[in-house]
């Protein structure tokens, strides 16, 4: 995923170990969504219950729930406004 590569590249400049830790945290949160897709909150910028997010540190992982899958559509810094 391109978003994770960008995040890692940004963090690694200052702290390579922190970059690895952050990517692991994000991947673990995504893995958790496979079993518990409704565990994230509904994205505040929308009222669609199928569009959700989890917050990991200062990053937002946005995803869409369907009957058979969870589709991650964005991972980025929380201060940025999403383009939904």
Protein backbone atom coordinates (compact mmCIF):
# COMPACT_ATOMS: atom_id res chain seq x y z
CA UNK A 1 0.00 0.00 0.00
CA UNK A 2 1.38 3.32 -1.10
CA UNK A 3 0.11 5.19 1.99
CA UNK A 4 2.15 2.98 4.33
CA UNK A 5 5.28 3.42 2.23
CA UNK A 6 4.89 7.20 2.40
CA UNK A 7 4.31 7.15 6.15
CA UNK A 8 7.34 4.96 6.73
CA UNK A 9 9.53 7.11 4.45
CA UNK A 10 8.48 10.24 6.34
CA UNK A 11 9.10 8.83 9.83
CA UNK A 12 12.31 6.97 8.95
CA UNK A 13 14.09 10.29 8.27
CA UNK A 14 13.99 11.13 11.98
CA UNK A 15 13.71 7.73 13.63
CA UNK A 16 13.95 4.42 11.73
CA UNK A 17 12.87 2.34 14.73
CA UNK A 18 9.80 4.50 15.27
CA UNK A 19 8.91 4.08 11.61
CA UNK A 20 8.96 0.30 11.93
CA UNK A 21 6.89 0.44 15.14
CA UNK A 22 4.26 2.69 13.55
CA UNK A 23 3.86 0.47 10.49
CA UNK A 24 3.50 -2.57 12.75
CA UNK A 25 0.80 -0.80 14.78
CA UNK A 26 -1.13 0.15 11.66
CA UNK A 27 -0.88 -3.38 10.23
CA UNK A 28 -2.03 -4.87 13.54
CA UNK A 29 -5.06 -2.57 13.59
CA UNK A 30 -5.94 -3.58 10.03
CA UNK A 31 -5.57 -7.26 10.94
CA UNK A 32 -7.96 -6.70 13.87
CA UNK A 33 -10.55 -5.31 11.44
CA UNK A 34 -10.69 -8.65 9.64
CA UNK A 35 -12.45 -10.15 12.68
CA UNK A 36 -14.10 -7.03 14.05
CA UNK A 37 -14.98 -4.74 11.12
CA UNK A 38 -17.42 -2.66 13.17
CA UNK A 39 -14.83 -1.85 15.82
CA UNK A 40 -13.90 1.43 14.16
CA UNK A 41 -16.02 4.53 14.45
CA UNK A 42 -18.16 5.92 11.64
CA UNK A 43 -16.08 8.56 9.84
CA UNK A 44 -17.25 11.90 11.30
CA UNK A 45 -17.22 13.61 7.90
CA UNK A 46 -19.91 11.21 6.69
CA UNK A 47 -22.92 9.53 8.22
CA UNK A 48 -22.50 6.31 6.24
CA UNK A 49 -22.20 3.39 8.72
CA UNK A 50 -20.22 1.39 6.15
CA UNK A 51 -17.44 4.02 6.07
CA UNK A 52 -15.37 3.71 9.24
CA UNK A 53 -11.98 4.54 10.66
CA UNK A 54 -9.57 3.59 13.38
CA UNK A 55 -7.08 6.03 14.84
CA UNK A 56 -3.51 4.86 15.47
CA UNK A 57 -1.42 7.57 17.11
CA UNK A 58 -1.93 10.54 14.77
CA UNK A 59 -2.90 8.44 11.72
CA UNK A 60 -6.37 7.65 10.44
CA UNK A 61 -7.05 4.30 8.78
CA UNK A 62 -10.25 4.66 6.76
CA UNK A 63 -12.11 1.67 5.44
CA UNK A 64 -15.37 0.52 3.92
CA UNK A 65 -17.28 -2.50 5.14
CA UNK A 66 -19.07 -4.76 2.67
CA UNK A 67 -20.85 -8.05 3.31
CA UNK A 68 -17.72 -10.09 2.68
CA UNK A 69 -14.74 -7.76 3.12
CA UNK A 70 -13.10 -4.72 4.61
CA UNK A 71 -11.54 -2.36 2.08
CA UNK A 72 -8.90 0.07 3.35
CA UNK A 73 -9.10 3.19 1.20
CA UNK A 74 -6.86 5.66 3.04
CA UNK A 75 -4.18 5.85 5.71
CA UNK A 76 -2.89 9.32 6.51
CA UNK A 77 -2.14 11.89 9.17
CA UNK A 78 -5.20 12.85 11.15
CA UNK A 79 -4.87 16.60 10.70
CA UNK A 80 -5.47 16.31 6.95
CA UNK A 81 -9.04 16.49 5.71
CA UNK A 82 -10.21 13.38 3.88
CA UNK A 83 -11.40 13.50 0.29
CA UNK A 84 -14.46 11.27 0.50
